Amino acid sequence: MKKAQVGNVIEFREGLQGIVEKVNENSVIVDLTYMDNYRDLELEQRTVINHKNYKVVKETALQ
């Protein structure tokens, strides 16, 4: 399993996507406003996802 880095786009929980803002030991903090339909889904702006529960969709060169 590959851990995400800050700036990566990850996918989790049935197709939701977000940009990683912070990487913790066991989880990442994700900005969900990346999704076009963010407002329609009525989600919080950020969420915490365990490393086991996502996959990296797009990597960034910010590393």
C-alpha atoms as a PDB file:
ATOM      1  CA  MET A   1       0.000   0.000   0.000  1.00  0.00           C
ATOM      2  CA  LYS A   2       1.346   3.406  -0.985  1.00  0.00           C
ATOM      3  CA  LYS A   3       0.911   6.281   1.463  1.00  0.00           C
ATOM      4  CA  ALA A   4      -0.299   9.562   0.038  1.00  0.00           C
ATOM      5  CA  GLN A   5       1.771  12.732   0.195  1.00  0.00           C
ATOM      6  CA  VAL A   6       0.609  16.342   0.640  1.00  0.00           C
ATOM      7  CA  GLY A   7      -0.997  17.521  -2.605  1.00  0.00           C
ATOM      8  CA  ASN A   8      -1.954  14.044  -3.860  1.00  0.00           C
ATOM      9  CA  VAL A   9      -5.530  13.368  -4.931  1.00  0.00           C
ATOM     10  CA  ILE A  10      -6.969  10.306  -3.213  1.00  0.00           C
ATOM     11  CA  GLU A  11     -10.176   8.321  -3.669  1.00  0.00           C
ATOM     12  CA  PHE A  12     -12.069   6.730  -0.802  1.00  0.00           C
ATOM     13  CA  ARG A  13     -15.507   5.590   0.306  1.00  0.00           C
ATOM     14  CA  GLU A  14     -17.349   4.800  -2.934  1.00  0.00           C
ATOM     15  CA  GLY A  15     -15.742   7.346  -5.242  1.00  0.00           C
ATOM     16  CA  LEU A  16     -15.282  10.426  -3.068  1.00  0.00           C
ATOM     17  CA  GLN A  17     -12.080  12.320  -3.859  1.00  0.00           C
ATOM     18  CA  GLY A  18     -10.022  14.970  -2.147  1.00  0.00           C
ATOM     19  CA  ILE A  19      -6.609  16.608  -1.924  1.00  0.00           C
ATOM     20  CA  VAL A  20      -4.315  15.562   0.921  1.00  0.00           C
ATOM     21  CA  GLU A  21      -3.514  18.532   3.163  1.00  0.00           C
ATOM     22  CA  LYS A  22      -1.630  16.766   5.952  1.00  0.00           C
ATOM     23  CA  VAL A  23      -0.145  13.311   6.454  1.00  0.00           C
ATOM     24  CA  ASN A  24      -0.279  11.853   9.965  1.00  0.00           C
ATOM     25  CA  GLU A  25       1.140   8.570  11.244  1.00  0.00           C
ATOM     26  CA  ASN A  26      -2.069   6.593  10.693  1.00  0.00           C
ATOM     27  CA  SER A  27      -4.188   8.889   8.537  1.00  0.00           C
ATOM     28  CA  VAL A  28      -4.415  11.844   6.183  1.00  0.00           C
ATOM     29  CA  ILE A  29      -6.470  15.037   6.358  1.00  0.00           C
ATOM     30  CA  VAL A  30      -8.267  15.620   3.066  1.00  0.00           C
ATOM     31  CA  ASP A  31      -9.841  18.721   1.505  1.00  0.00           C
ATOM     32  CA  LEU A  32     -13.085  17.601  -0.154  1.00  0.00           C
ATOM     33  CA  THR A  33     -13.751  20.860  -2.027  1.00  0.00           C
ATOM     34  CA  TYR A  34     -11.693  19.355  -4.884  1.00  0.00           C
ATOM     35  CA  MET A  35     -14.839  17.559  -6.115  1.00  0.00           C
ATOM     36  CA  ASP A  36     -17.081  19.428  -8.566  1.00  0.00           C
ATOM     37  CA  ASN A  37     -20.218  18.243  -6.748  1.00  0.00           C
ATOM     38  CA  TYR A  38     -18.893  19.041  -3.236  1.00  0.00           C
ATOM     39  CA  ARG A  39     -21.739  21.446  -2.401  1.00  0.00           C
ATOM     40  CA  ASP A  40     -24.424  19.055  -3.685  1.00  0.00           C
ATOM     41  CA  LEU A  41     -23.182  16.290  -1.362  1.00  0.00           C
ATOM     42  CA  GLU A  42     -23.475  18.515   1.738  1.00  0.00           C
ATOM     43  CA  LEU A  43     -20.198  17.271   3.217  1.00  0.00           C
ATOM     44  CA  GLU A  44     -17.818  18.926   5.641  1.00  0.00           C
ATOM     45  CA  GLN A  45     -14.911  20.728   3.957  1.00  0.00           C
ATOM     46  CA  ARG A  46     -12.287  18.367   5.436  1.00  0.00           C
ATOM     47  CA  THR A  47     -12.198  14.808   6.708  1.00  0.00           C
ATOM     48  CA  VAL A  48      -9.714  12.313   8.146  1.00  0.00           C
ATOM     49  CA  ILE A  49      -9.068   9.034   6.300  1.00  0.00           C
ATOM     50  CA  ASN A  50      -7.034   6.090   7.581  1.00  0.00           C
ATOM     51  CA  HIS A  51      -4.166   5.003   5.307  1.00  0.00           C
ATOM     52  CA  LYS A  52      -5.909   1.622   4.792  1.00  0.00           C
ATOM     53  CA  ASN A  53      -9.048   3.243   3.392  1.00  0.00           C
ATOM     54  CA  TYR A  54      -7.924   5.164   0.306  1.00  0.00           C
ATOM     55  CA  LYS A  55      -5.993   4.861  -2.932  1.00  0.00           C
ATOM     56  CA  VAL A  56      -3.830   7.510  -4.588  1.00  0.00           C
ATOM     57  CA  VAL A  57      -5.447   8.649  -7.845  1.00  0.00           C
ATOM     58  CA  LYS A  58      -3.101  11.471  -8.839  1.00  0.00           C
ATOM     59  CA  GLU A  59       0.346  12.260  -7.514  1.00  0.00           C
ATOM     60  CA  THR A  60       1.850  15.719  -7.231  1.00  0.00           C
ATOM     61  CA  ALA A  61       5.393  16.906  -7.838  1.00  0.00           C
ATOM     62  CA  LEU A  62       5.481  18.926  -4.599  1.00  0.00           C
ATOM     63  CA  GLN A  63       7.466  16.276  -2.722  1.00  0.00           C
END
